[in-house]
Amino acid sequence: MSLPPVPAAQPAPTALPGGGASSLADGEWHRMHPLTPLFKGGLVLLIVAGIVVSNMRERVLGWFVALFTPDQVDYGRYGGGDPVDWVLSNNLIAVALVAVLVLLLLLIGAFWVVWRFHQFRITGSHVEVRKGIVFRSHRRAPLDRVHGVNLTRPFPARLIGLAKVEVVGAGTDSNVDLEYLATSRAESVRADILRLASGARNARLVAAGLSPVPVGATPPPAAGTVRSELIGSVNAGVTGLIEGVDLADVAPESVVKIPTGRLIGSQLVSAVMWVVFFGAIYVVSLVAMYFGMTADGEDDASIALGLVGLSVGMGVPLLLAAVGITWAQISKSLRYAIAPTPDGVRVTFGLLTTITETLPPGRIFAVEVSQSLLWRPFGWWTVKINRMSGKSAAQQQSGTAQQFNTVLPVGRREDVERVLSLILPEIPAHDVALLWRHGVEGPVADDPFRTVPARAAWRHPLTWRRHGYALTDGGLLLRRGLLWRRLGVFPLARLQGLSVSQGPLSRAQRVASVQAHSVTGPVAGRLSALDLVDAQALLKDVAHAAAVAVSTDRGHRWAEDAPAPPRPVAPAGGA
């Protein structure tokens, strides 16, 4: 069964003020970049070619040596009995070359057919992707359920100027991938998807005195040849690899960056925990081996030799594991930057493979500021979030998915405050002191947090004065931890629910546990051993405050109230 025919392009109407950033958001079906099949399937061919070359290395070596000593080479020593010998002995060189040529033509034809049937379109309500010939698939992401748009540039794709657009949906395994597009087109498509999802297009039309119309008002660009598109994408890839990309709509003074020295230093400090952990295993193993060999009556020389062998056998792999874990964390966060854009908060990270994530307002469900004991002397903090990922449970365990939940790998107080102001715009200015002085650093004098009562202090012997909550106009604040300080912020408009539980022992002590429900992520919302009266009051207050917050929240249509750009004024006497 063939795919439905691609609709014929309609005449483009006059361009509207403030129209879409990309002509690909016109409601018509478009194809991916011509190099997409080669990048996705051609890598397999390179691997197969590498295996073939590896198996023929002896013959290649023989040919190379024959160039210098043609009279002393024993050709039978280099690869006798392989298919090349059979082709040469039967004088089938021409047939073999024709067969290779036919195979290449078949592969090129298969790639071309795959490319022709891999299409996408952006309408006023959905982003759709369809592909496949025998086994077809058609994925659709409603724009009103878009929770972010990510741009991923794997290192090989960056070399030729390609990027993958990932539309993050609200459900499990609901993401829609557009792979691959030229980087400039991918950035334009991302901007259009986000603006359409925010309702900005219709808002601009109404402000301009025009009636809202379906997507398709943007005139298509001048048609270019496949050759010019390939050359342009490769040139852009090389330029972007050197200069960096994705900063055209970002003011330099609004970008929060992490100095490379601080990033490396923070990971090296964290690596101390790994060294202590692996070192403890190593020392315990050495002690156990020593006592075991002593009990067997072995002499000192044998014991020393055995300990040296164990040191090499266990020490080197453990050291390599610690180095590998540390480097993986550093490489993920290099070239980190976060900045506000017209479409949301943009987070970029990665050294070789660069990932750019755009988080629209109203798509962040919880925020946590945390600090480990080892970072405290340096004043370093990290910020993580709960957000819809659109991935399955297995995908959410991957390192890349976990990286999407970190919006500030390491930063000082001023960095944390700037990041919080970006991702939590609903926090009022008068709550800043409460958020930092009492929430992050507290408890201090006049602490407004409701904490564990003294009768239940034995449940949290070190943290009972810090373990507590506060309810503000902007959200629910949950504070806990002493060695590892944590402050969780749950915006009321996106709080999924609040529950109070009580076991037999808690009932006897008149205390209860509170759980703030959010989407799956690193930010936990559980507090235990709170006074029962406080827990019940919190349940009632949160229900009322959340209803008020939801009724006034405009985060899901963040650009509808944005001022419209000025209408262009035609010069006097001009056309």
Protein backbone atom coordinates (compact mmCIF):
# COMPACT_ATOMS: atom_id res chain seq x y z
CA MET A 1 0.00 0.00 0.00
CA SER A 2 1.41 3.36 -0.97
CA LEU A 3 1.33 6.49 1.11
CA PRO A 4 -1.27 9.20 0.41
CA PRO A 5 -0.11 11.60 -2.27
CA VAL A 6 1.58 14.76 -1.12
CA PRO A 7 -0.87 17.67 -1.50
CA ALA A 8 -0.03 20.14 -4.20
CA ALA A 9 1.41 23.40 -2.99
CA GLN A 10 -1.07 26.28 -2.99
CA PRO A 11 -0.28 29.83 -3.96
CA ALA A 12 1.27 31.66 -1.06
CA PRO A 13 -0.71 34.60 0.31
CA THR A 14 0.81 37.87 1.31
CA ALA A 15 3.25 37.60 4.20
CA LEU A 16 1.73 38.50 7.54
CA PRO A 17 3.44 40.70 10.10
CA GLY A 18 5.22 38.59 12.66
CA GLY A 19 4.60 35.42 10.69
CA GLY A 20 6.27 32.09 11.25
CA ALA A 21 10.03 31.86 11.24
CA SER A 22 10.08 28.97 8.81
CA SER A 23 8.25 28.27 5.56
CA LEU A 24 8.21 24.60 6.60
CA ALA A 25 5.37 25.43 9.04
CA ASP A 26 2.84 25.80 6.22
CA GLY A 27 0.65 22.74 6.72
CA GLU A 28 2.21 20.95 3.75
CA TRP A 29 4.24 17.73 3.75
CA HIS A 30 8.01 18.19 3.54
CA ARG A 31 10.94 15.78 3.34
CA MET A 32 13.94 15.50 5.59
CA HIS A 33 17.46 16.46 4.58
CA PRO A 34 18.73 14.40 1.61
CA LEU A 35 21.62 13.04 3.70
CA THR A 36 19.28 11.60 6.34
CA PRO A 37 19.23 8.02 4.94
CA LEU A 38 23.00 8.05 4.51
CA PHE A 39 23.55 9.27 8.07
CA LYS A 40 21.09 6.78 9.59
CA GLY A 41 21.85 3.75 7.41
CA GLY A 42 25.16 4.62 5.81
CA LEU A 43 27.01 4.18 9.07
CA VAL A 44 26.14 0.48 8.89
CA LEU A 45 27.78 0.34 5.47
CA LEU A 46 30.91 1.95 6.87
CA ILE A 47 31.04 -0.68 9.61
CA VAL A 48 30.63 -3.48 7.07
CA ALA A 49 33.35 -1.94 4.89
CA GLY A 50 35.62 -1.75 7.92
CA ILE A 51 35.07 -5.45 8.64
CA VAL A 52 35.86 -6.34 5.03
CA VAL A 53 39.02 -4.25 5.06
CA SER A 54 40.05 -5.77 8.39
CA ASN A 55 39.65 -9.28 6.99
CA MET A 56 41.73 -8.34 3.95
CA ARG A 57 44.51 -6.65 5.94
CA GLU A 58 47.04 -9.38 5.08
CA ARG A 59 46.41 -9.01 1.34
CA VAL A 60 46.62 -5.22 1.61
CA LEU A 61 49.89 -5.65 3.50
CA GLY A 62 51.20 -7.93 0.79
CA TRP A 63 50.34 -5.48 -1.95
CA PHE A 64 51.99 -2.68 -0.01
CA VAL A 65 55.21 -4.68 0.56
CA ALA A 66 55.26 -5.70 -3.11
CA LEU A 67 55.66 -2.06 -4.09
CA PHE A 68 59.14 -2.03 -2.51
CA THR A 69 60.31 -5.68 -2.76
CA PRO A 70 58.43 -7.26 -5.65
CA ASP A 71 60.90 -10.17 -5.96
CA GLN A 72 60.87 -11.20 -2.31
CA VAL A 73 57.16 -11.32 -1.47
CA ASP A 74 55.49 -14.67 -0.92
CA TYR A 75 51.97 -13.94 -2.11
CA GLY A 76 50.68 -17.21 -0.77
CA ARG A 77 51.55 -16.01 2.73
CA TYR A 78 49.29 -12.99 2.47
CA GLY A 79 45.65 -14.06 2.40
CA GLY A 80 45.64 -17.25 0.35
CA GLY A 81 42.18 -18.79 -0.08
CA ASP A 82 40.14 -15.60 0.31
CA PRO A 83 37.43 -14.49 -2.20
CA VAL A 84 39.84 -12.14 -3.93
CA ASP A 85 42.08 -15.08 -4.84
CA TRP A 86 39.08 -16.93 -6.28
CA VAL A 87 38.08 -13.91 -8.38
CA LEU A 88 41.61 -13.45 -9.68
CA SER A 89 42.19 -17.13 -10.42
CA ASN A 90 38.95 -17.37 -12.43
CA ASN A 91 39.49 -14.08 -14.26
CA LEU A 92 36.22 -12.61 -12.95
CA ILE A 93 37.47 -9.12 -12.18
CA ALA A 94 35.02 -7.42 -14.57
CA VAL A 95 32.10 -9.44 -13.21
CA ALA A 96 33.04 -8.58 -9.61
CA LEU A 97 33.28 -4.87 -10.41
CA VAL A 98 29.88 -4.91 -12.14
CA ALA A 99 28.38 -6.73 -9.12
CA VAL A 100 29.80 -4.13 -6.74
CA LEU A 101 28.47 -1.32 -8.94
CA VAL A 102 24.99 -2.90 -9.08
CA LEU A 103 25.02 -3.28 -5.28
CA LEU A 104 25.93 0.37 -4.83
CA LEU A 105 23.16 1.43 -7.22
CA LEU A 106 20.64 -0.70 -5.33
CA LEU A 107 21.71 0.84 -2.03
CA ILE A 108 21.49 4.36 -3.45
CA GLY A 109 18.04 3.56 -4.84
CA ALA A 110 16.92 2.16 -1.48
CA PHE A 111 18.19 5.27 0.31
CA TRP A 112 16.37 7.48 -2.19
CA VAL A 113 13.07 5.61 -1.70
CA VAL A 114 13.44 5.78 2.09
CA TRP A 115 14.08 9.52 1.85
CA ARG A 116 11.05 10.06 -0.44
CA PHE A 117 8.71 8.34 2.02
CA HIS A 118 10.05 10.06 5.17
CA GLN A 119 8.01 13.25 5.51
CA PHE A 120 6.76 15.69 8.11
CA ARG A 121 4.36 18.60 8.32
CA ILE A 122 3.47 21.31 10.82
CA THR A 123 -0.13 22.45 10.95
CA GLY A 124 -1.93 24.84 13.24
CA SER A 125 -2.71 21.99 15.66
CA HIS A 126 -0.21 19.15 15.15
CA VAL A 127 3.33 18.14 14.25
CA GLU A 128 3.23 14.94 12.19
CA VAL A 129 5.87 12.53 10.88
CA ARG A 130 5.22 9.58 8.56
CA LYS A 131 7.72 7.10 7.19
CA GLY A 132 8.08 3.54 5.96
CA ILE A 133 7.31 1.64 2.78
CA VAL A 134 6.18 -1.85 3.78
CA PHE A 135 5.81 -1.13 7.49
CA ARG A 136 4.52 2.40 7.82
CA SER A 137 4.31 4.61 10.88
CA HIS A 138 2.54 7.91 11.43
CA ARG A 139 3.24 9.87 14.63
CA ARG A 140 1.43 13.02 15.65
CA ALA A 141 2.07 15.47 18.47
CA PRO A 142 -0.72 17.93 19.38
CA LEU A 143 0.70 21.43 19.73
CA ASP A 144 -1.32 22.11 22.88
CA ARG A 145 0.50 19.18 24.53
CA VAL A 146 4.03 20.21 23.56
CA HIS A 147 6.26 20.42 26.64
CA GLY A 148 9.45 21.46 24.88
CA VAL A 149 11.46 21.18 21.69
CA ASN A 150 15.01 19.83 21.76
CA LEU A 151 17.74 20.13 19.15
CA THR A 152 20.31 17.32 19.24
CA ARG A 153 23.45 17.53 17.15
CA PRO A 154 25.47 14.28 17.32
CA PHE A 155 29.10 14.91 16.51
CA PRO A 156 29.05 13.23 13.03
CA ALA A 157 25.87 15.16 12.19
CA ARG A 158 27.44 18.45 13.30
CA LEU A 159 30.27 17.91 10.81
CA ILE A 160 27.81 18.05 7.91
CA GLY A 161 25.48 20.64 9.44
CA LEU A 162 22.55 18.42 10.48
CA ALA A 163 20.40 18.45 13.61
CA LYS A 164 17.60 16.36 15.05
CA VAL A 165 14.42 18.09 16.24
CA GLU A 166 12.65 16.30 19.09
CA VAL A 167 9.14 17.49 19.94
CA VAL A 168 8.55 16.53 23.58
CA GLY A 169 4.99 15.35 24.25
CA ALA A 170 3.02 14.94 27.45
CA GLY A 171 2.60 11.16 27.52
CA THR A 172 4.87 8.15 27.68
CA ASP A 173 6.69 7.48 24.41
CA SER A 174 4.88 10.45 22.84
CA ASN A 175 7.86 12.34 21.42
CA VAL A 176 7.98 13.05 17.70
CA ASP A 177 11.43 13.18 16.07
CA LEU A 178 12.34 15.08 12.94
CA GLU A 179 15.69 13.62 11.95
CA TYR A 180 17.55 15.11 10.26
CA LEU A 181 17.29 18.70 9.06
CA ALA A 182 19.87 21.32 8.19
CA THR A 183 20.75 23.16 11.39
CA SER A 184 19.34 26.51 10.25
CA ARG A 185 16.07 24.90 9.19
CA ALA A 186 15.90 22.90 12.41
CA GLU A 187 16.21 26.10 14.45
CA SER A 188 13.48 27.78 12.40
CA VAL A 189 11.19 24.75 12.74
CA ARG A 190 11.74 24.72 16.50
CA ALA A 191 10.82 28.41 16.74
CA ASP A 192 7.64 27.88 14.70
CA ILE A 193 6.51 24.89 16.76
CA LEU A 194 7.00 26.77 20.01
CA ARG A 195 5.23 29.90 18.77
CA LEU A 196 2.32 27.92 17.40
CA ALA A 197 2.09 25.97 20.66
CA SER A 198 1.95 29.21 22.64
CA GLY A 199 -0.84 30.71 20.54
CA ALA A 200 1.46 33.51 19.45
CA ARG A 201 0.55 33.38 15.78
CA ASN A 202 -3.15 34.05 16.24
CA ALA A 203 -2.38 36.62 18.93
CA ARG A 204 -0.18 38.56 16.50
CA LEU A 205 -2.82 38.38 13.77
CA VAL A 206 -5.51 39.72 16.09
CA ALA A 207 -3.22 42.52 17.27
CA ALA A 208 -2.44 43.37 13.64
CA GLY A 209 -6.15 43.70 12.86
CA LEU A 210 -6.31 40.49 10.82
CA SER A 211 -8.43 37.40 11.30
CA PRO A 212 -6.74 34.25 12.59
CA VAL A 213 -6.01 31.91 9.71
CA PRO A 214 -4.62 28.41 9.47
CA VAL A 215 -0.91 27.88 9.18
CA GLY A 216 0.21 28.45 5.62
CA ALA A 217 0.48 32.22 5.45
CA THR A 218 4.24 32.21 5.18
CA PRO A 219 5.49 32.26 1.58
CA PRO A 220 7.73 29.37 0.60
CA PRO A 221 11.40 30.08 0.01
CA ALA A 222 12.99 30.02 -3.38
CA ALA A 223 13.54 26.45 -4.45
CA GLY A 224 17.12 25.31 -4.29
CA THR A 225 18.86 22.31 -5.76
CA VAL A 226 19.84 19.31 -3.67
CA ARG A 227 23.49 20.10 -4.41
CA SER A 228 23.20 23.65 -3.05
CA GLU A 229 21.37 22.37 0.04
CA LEU A 230 24.11 19.82 0.73
CA ILE A 231 26.90 22.36 0.27
CA GLY A 232 25.12 24.89 2.46
CA SER A 233 24.52 22.42 5.29
CA VAL A 234 28.13 21.21 5.29
CA ASN A 235 29.45 24.79 5.34
CA ALA A 236 27.10 25.68 8.18
CA GLY A 237 28.21 22.58 10.07
CA VAL A 238 31.88 23.51 9.91
CA THR A 239 31.15 27.12 10.86
CA GLY A 240 28.91 26.10 13.76
CA LEU A 241 31.52 23.65 15.00
CA ILE A 242 34.00 26.50 15.38
CA GLU A 243 31.83 29.48 16.33
CA GLY A 244 28.94 27.77 18.06
CA VAL A 245 25.28 27.99 17.03
CA ASP A 246 21.84 28.81 18.36
CA LEU A 247 22.59 32.24 19.83
CA ALA A 248 21.08 34.49 17.19
CA ASP A 249 18.03 35.42 19.29
CA VAL A 250 19.81 35.57 22.65
CA ALA A 251 21.22 38.72 24.22
CA PRO A 252 24.84 38.10 25.35
CA GLU A 253 24.26 39.69 28.76
CA SER A 254 21.34 37.33 29.47
CA VAL A 255 23.36 34.12 29.09
CA VAL A 256 24.36 32.20 32.20
CA LYS A 257 27.53 30.21 31.57
CA ILE A 258 29.74 27.97 33.70
CA PRO A 259 33.50 28.59 33.67
CA THR A 260 35.30 25.47 32.49
CA GLY A 261 37.58 25.48 35.54
CA ARG A 262 34.61 25.51 37.92
CA LEU A 263 32.89 22.70 36.04
CA ILE A 264 35.97 20.48 36.05
CA GLY A 265 36.73 21.34 39.67
CA SER A 266 33.20 20.50 40.82
CA GLN A 267 33.33 17.10 39.15
CA LEU A 268 36.79 16.37 40.56
CA VAL A 269 35.52 17.21 44.04
CA SER A 270 32.55 14.90 43.47
CA ALA A 271 34.95 12.23 42.23
CA VAL A 272 36.40 12.13 45.74
CA MET A 273 33.30 10.19 46.77
CA TRP A 274 33.97 7.63 44.05
CA VAL A 275 37.61 7.36 45.06
CA VAL A 276 36.63 6.84 48.72
CA PHE A 277 34.03 4.25 47.73
CA PHE A 278 36.31 2.28 45.43
CA GLY A 279 39.23 2.76 47.80
CA ALA A 280 37.25 1.23 50.67
CA ILE A 281 36.50 -1.83 48.51
CA TYR A 282 40.16 -2.04 47.58
CA VAL A 283 41.44 -1.82 51.16
CA VAL A 284 38.92 -4.38 52.43
CA SER A 285 40.00 -6.76 49.66
CA LEU A 286 43.67 -6.32 50.54
CA VAL A 287 43.04 -6.94 54.24
CA ALA A 288 40.93 -10.03 53.52
CA MET A 289 43.60 -11.43 51.21
CA TYR A 290 46.36 -10.74 53.73
CA PHE A 291 44.63 -12.59 56.54
CA GLY A 292 43.69 -15.42 54.18
CA MET A 293 47.27 -15.94 53.01
CA THR A 294 48.60 -15.63 56.56
CA ALA A 295 46.21 -18.34 57.74
CA ASP A 296 47.51 -20.62 54.99
CA GLY A 297 51.05 -20.23 56.36
CA GLU A 298 52.53 -18.57 53.28
CA ASP A 299 55.78 -16.68 53.60
CA ASP A 300 56.13 -12.92 53.37
CA ALA A 301 57.40 -12.99 49.80
CA SER A 302 54.31 -14.87 48.56
CA ILE A 303 52.03 -12.53 50.48
CA ALA A 304 53.73 -9.45 49.01
CA LEU A 305 53.53 -10.90 45.49
CA GLY A 306 49.85 -11.70 45.94
CA LEU A 307 49.04 -8.22 47.23
CA VAL A 308 50.86 -6.63 44.31
CA GLY A 309 48.89 -8.78 41.89
CA LEU A 310 45.63 -7.87 43.57
CA SER A 311 46.58 -4.18 43.54
CA VAL A 312 47.12 -4.26 39.79
CA GLY A 313 44.11 -6.48 39.10
CA MET A 314 41.65 -4.40 41.10
CA GLY A 315 43.24 -0.97 41.40
CA VAL A 316 43.60 -0.24 37.69
CA PRO A 317 39.98 -1.13 36.70
CA LEU A 318 38.60 0.81 39.68
CA LEU A 319 40.73 3.83 38.80
CA LEU A 320 39.63 3.67 35.17
CA ALA A 321 35.99 3.44 36.29
CA ALA A 322 36.35 6.56 38.46
CA VAL A 323 38.06 8.45 35.61
CA GLY A 324 35.40 7.35 33.12
CA ILE A 325 32.50 8.42 35.33
CA THR A 326 34.10 11.79 36.02
CA TRP A 327 34.87 12.47 32.36
CA ALA A 328 31.35 11.47 31.30
CA GLN A 329 29.89 14.06 33.68
CA ILE A 330 32.33 16.75 32.54
CA SER A 331 31.84 16.19 28.81
CA LYS A 332 28.03 16.34 29.13
CA SER A 333 28.12 19.77 30.75
CA LEU A 334 30.88 21.48 28.78
CA ARG A 335 29.79 24.50 26.73
CA TYR A 336 26.77 24.87 29.02
CA ALA A 337 24.61 27.97 28.65
CA ILE A 338 21.11 28.97 29.71
CA ALA A 339 19.30 32.06 28.46
CA PRO A 340 15.79 33.46 27.94
CA THR A 341 14.42 33.57 24.40
CA PRO A 342 11.07 34.66 22.95
CA ASP A 343 10.07 30.97 22.88
CA GLY A 344 11.13 29.94 26.38
CA VAL A 345 14.22 29.16 28.42
CA ARG A 346 16.98 27.65 26.27
CA VAL A 347 19.54 25.27 27.78
CA THR A 348 22.55 24.17 25.72
CA PHE A 349 25.21 21.67 26.77
CA GLY A 350 27.66 19.14 25.35
CA LEU A 351 31.18 19.14 23.94
CA LEU A 352 31.07 16.89 20.87
CA THR A 353 27.37 16.04 20.78
CA THR A 354 25.53 19.31 21.44
CA ILE A 355 21.99 19.29 22.82
CA THR A 356 19.81 22.39 22.91
CA GLU A 357 16.61 22.23 24.91
CA THR A 358 13.90 24.89 24.91
CA LEU A 359 11.62 24.86 27.94
CA PRO A 360 8.46 26.92 27.43
CA PRO A 361 7.02 28.62 30.52
CA GLY A 362 4.43 26.52 32.30
CA ARG A 363 6.16 23.23 31.45
CA ILE A 364 8.27 22.94 34.63
CA PHE A 365 6.50 21.04 37.41
CA ALA A 366 9.09 21.15 40.20
CA VAL A 367 12.51 22.71 40.87
CA GLU A 368 15.17 21.65 43.36
CA VAL A 369 18.25 23.56 44.53
CA SER A 370 20.77 21.26 46.20
CA GLN A 371 24.29 21.36 47.59
CA SER A 372 26.53 18.52 48.75
CA LEU A 373 28.78 18.79 51.77
CA LEU A 374 31.89 18.72 49.56
CA TRP A 375 30.65 21.70 47.55
CA ARG A 376 29.79 23.84 50.58
CA PRO A 377 33.27 25.40 51.03
CA PHE A 378 33.14 26.61 47.41
CA GLY A 379 29.56 27.93 47.50
CA TRP A 380 28.46 25.72 44.60
CA TRP A 381 24.88 24.63 43.96
CA THR A 382 23.02 22.62 41.33
CA VAL A 383 19.47 23.08 40.03
CA LYS A 384 17.29 20.23 38.76
CA ILE A 385 13.71 20.11 37.53
CA ASN A 386 10.79 17.75 37.00
CA ARG A 387 9.35 18.00 33.52
CA MET A 388 7.44 15.95 31.00
CA SER A 389 9.94 13.95 28.98
CA GLY A 390 7.68 12.04 26.57
CA LYS A 391 10.02 9.05 26.91
CA SER A 392 9.45 5.52 28.13
CA ALA A 393 10.69 4.36 31.54
CA ALA A 394 13.75 2.70 29.99
CA GLN A 395 14.64 5.83 28.03
CA GLN A 396 14.31 8.01 31.13
CA GLN A 397 17.12 6.04 32.78
CA SER A 398 19.61 7.04 30.09
CA GLY A 399 22.27 9.63 30.78
CA THR A 400 20.89 12.03 28.17
CA ALA A 401 17.38 11.93 29.64
CA GLN A 402 18.78 12.60 33.10
CA GLN A 403 20.80 15.50 31.69
CA PHE A 404 17.57 17.12 30.48
CA ASN A 405 16.50 17.38 34.13
CA THR A 406 19.57 19.46 35.09
CA VAL A 407 19.27 23.14 34.22
CA LEU A 408 22.34 24.27 36.19
CA PRO A 409 25.10 21.67 36.72
CA VAL A 410 27.09 23.89 39.08
CA GLY A 411 26.79 27.57 39.95
CA ARG A 412 27.19 30.18 42.65
CA ARG A 413 24.37 32.01 44.39
CA GLU A 414 24.02 34.69 41.72
CA ASP A 415 23.81 31.99 39.02
CA VAL A 416 21.15 30.10 40.96
CA GLU A 417 19.07 33.24 41.46
CA ARG A 418 19.21 34.11 37.76
CA VAL A 419 18.25 30.58 36.76
CA LEU A 420 15.36 30.50 39.24
CA SER A 421 14.08 33.82 37.91
CA LEU A 422 14.07 32.29 34.40
CA ILE A 423 12.37 28.99 35.15
CA LEU A 424 10.06 30.22 37.96
CA PRO A 425 8.73 33.59 36.76
CA GLU A 426 5.65 33.16 38.97
CA ILE A 427 7.72 33.53 42.17
CA PRO A 428 7.02 37.10 43.45
CA ALA A 429 9.93 39.39 44.20
CA HIS A 430 9.05 39.55 47.90
CA ASP A 431 9.53 35.77 48.14
CA VAL A 432 13.17 35.88 47.04
CA ALA A 433 14.47 36.24 50.61
CA LEU A 434 12.21 33.42 51.76
CA LEU A 435 13.38 31.25 48.91
CA TRP A 436 17.11 31.71 49.50
CA ARG A 437 17.79 32.92 53.05
CA HIS A 438 15.20 30.73 54.75
CA GLY A 439 14.75 27.97 52.17
CA VAL A 440 18.19 27.26 50.78
CA GLU A 441 20.41 28.38 53.66
CA GLY A 442 18.00 28.14 56.63
CA PRO A 443 16.98 27.73 59.29
CA VAL A 444 17.77 31.23 60.53
CA ALA A 445 16.06 33.64 62.91
CA ASP A 446 12.31 34.13 62.38
CA ASP A 447 12.12 30.95 60.32
CA PRO A 448 8.67 30.81 58.61
CA PHE A 449 8.97 27.09 57.79
CA ARG A 450 6.81 24.62 59.69
CA THR A 451 9.21 21.91 60.87
CA VAL A 452 9.23 18.61 62.76
CA PRO A 453 7.90 18.96 66.34
CA ALA A 454 10.31 18.28 69.19
CA ARG A 455 8.46 15.11 70.20
CA ALA A 456 9.33 13.54 66.82
CA ALA A 457 12.90 14.88 66.59
CA TRP A 458 14.27 11.35 67.03
CA ARG A 459 13.06 10.54 63.52
CA HIS A 460 15.35 13.18 62.03
CA PRO A 461 17.98 13.67 64.75
CA LEU A 462 20.25 15.87 62.63
CA THR A 463 17.76 17.70 60.43
CA TRP A 464 14.53 18.05 62.44
CA ARG A 465 14.87 21.86 62.70
CA ARG A 466 15.44 22.09 58.92
CA HIS A 467 12.97 19.43 57.77
CA GLY A 468 9.81 21.38 56.92
CA TYR A 469 7.64 23.33 54.48
CA ALA A 470 6.36 26.81 53.66
CA LEU A 471 3.48 27.87 51.42
CA THR A 472 3.82 31.07 49.38
CA ASP A 473 1.88 32.76 46.61
CA GLY A 474 4.25 31.25 44.07
CA GLY A 475 4.51 27.66 45.23
CA LEU A 476 5.00 25.04 47.89
CA LEU A 477 8.53 25.00 49.36
CA LEU A 478 9.90 21.77 50.85
CA ARG A 479 13.19 22.04 52.76
CA ARG A 480 15.25 19.09 54.00
CA GLY A 481 18.75 17.69 54.41
CA LEU A 482 21.80 18.78 56.37
CA LEU A 483 24.82 17.07 54.80
CA TRP A 484 23.09 17.40 51.41
CA ARG A 485 20.95 20.54 51.51
CA ARG A 486 17.84 20.46 49.32
CA LEU A 487 15.03 22.91 48.64
CA GLY A 488 12.15 21.78 46.44
CA VAL A 489 9.80 24.32 44.83
CA PHE A 490 6.46 23.09 43.45
CA PRO A 491 4.56 25.74 41.44
CA LEU A 492 0.95 25.60 42.60
CA ALA A 493 -0.51 25.90 39.11
CA ARG A 494 1.19 22.64 38.09
CA LEU A 495 1.02 20.71 41.36
CA GLN A 496 -0.49 17.30 40.57
CA GLY A 497 -1.83 16.75 44.08
CA LEU A 498 -1.03 16.59 47.77
CA SER A 499 -1.60 13.62 50.09
CA VAL A 500 -1.28 13.11 53.85
CA SER A 501 -0.55 9.66 55.28
CA GLN A 502 -0.21 8.35 58.82
CA GLY A 503 0.91 5.00 60.20
CA PRO A 504 0.22 3.48 63.65
CA LEU A 505 3.38 4.94 65.23
CA SER A 506 2.78 8.34 63.63
CA ARG A 507 -0.82 8.27 64.86
CA ALA A 508 0.39 7.69 68.40
CA GLN A 509 2.75 10.67 68.12
CA ARG A 510 0.19 12.86 66.32
CA VAL A 511 2.46 13.35 63.30
CA ALA A 512 1.96 12.63 59.59
CA SER A 513 3.79 12.45 56.28
CA VAL A 514 3.08 14.76 53.36
CA GLN A 515 3.65 13.91 49.68
CA ALA A 516 3.56 16.55 46.96
CA HIS A 517 2.75 14.76 43.71
CA SER A 518 4.52 15.79 40.52
CA VAL A 519 5.63 14.22 37.25
CA THR A 520 8.47 11.72 37.35
CA GLY A 521 11.84 13.34 37.93
CA PRO A 522 14.72 13.88 40.37
CA VAL A 523 12.78 16.27 42.62
CA ALA A 524 11.12 14.36 45.46
CA GLY A 525 8.18 15.90 47.31
CA ARG A 526 7.96 13.88 50.52
CA LEU A 527 8.25 15.15 54.09
CA SER A 528 7.71 12.98 57.14
CA ALA A 529 7.07 13.46 60.87
CA LEU A 530 5.22 16.78 60.49
CA ASP A 531 2.78 17.83 63.16
CA LEU A 532 -0.68 16.43 62.31
CA VAL A 533 -2.34 19.85 62.67
CA ASP A 534 0.23 21.41 60.30
CA ALA A 535 -0.22 18.61 57.75
CA GLN A 536 -4.01 18.95 57.75
CA ALA A 537 -3.80 22.73 57.48
CA LEU A 538 -1.36 22.42 54.58
CA LEU A 539 -3.72 20.09 52.74
CA LYS A 540 -6.54 22.62 53.02
CA ASP A 541 -4.42 25.66 52.18
CA VAL A 542 -2.81 24.02 49.14
CA ALA A 543 -6.21 23.05 47.72
CA HIS A 544 -7.40 26.67 47.88
CA ALA A 545 -4.12 28.23 46.69
CA ALA A 546 -3.76 25.78 43.78
CA ALA A 547 -7.29 26.57 42.56
CA VAL A 548 -6.49 30.29 42.55
CA ALA A 549 -3.14 29.72 40.81
CA VAL A 550 -4.68 27.56 38.07
CA SER A 551 -7.40 30.14 37.37
CA THR A 552 -4.83 32.87 36.77
CA ASP A 553 -2.07 30.82 35.13
CA ARG A 554 -1.20 31.70 31.53
CA GLY A 555 1.96 29.65 31.28
CA HIS A 556 0.53 27.20 28.75
CA ARG A 557 -0.20 30.06 26.32
CA TRP A 558 2.79 32.17 27.24
CA ALA A 559 2.96 34.35 24.14
CA GLU A 560 -0.70 35.29 23.69
CA ASP A 561 -0.27 38.41 25.79
CA ALA A 562 3.06 39.37 24.29
CA PRO A 563 3.08 42.74 22.48
CA ALA A 564 2.76 42.46 18.75
CA PRO A 565 5.64 43.63 16.59
CA PRO A 566 5.07 46.95 14.79
CA ARG A 567 3.42 46.71 11.42
CA PRO A 568 5.68 47.64 8.51
CA VAL A 569 4.95 51.04 7.01
CA ALA A 570 5.29 51.33 3.26
CA PRO A 571 7.40 54.30 2.10
CA ALA A 572 5.55 57.17 0.48
CA GLY A 573 4.98 56.47 -3.16
CA GLY A 574 6.35 52.97 -2.87
CA ALA A 575 4.71 49.82 -4.04
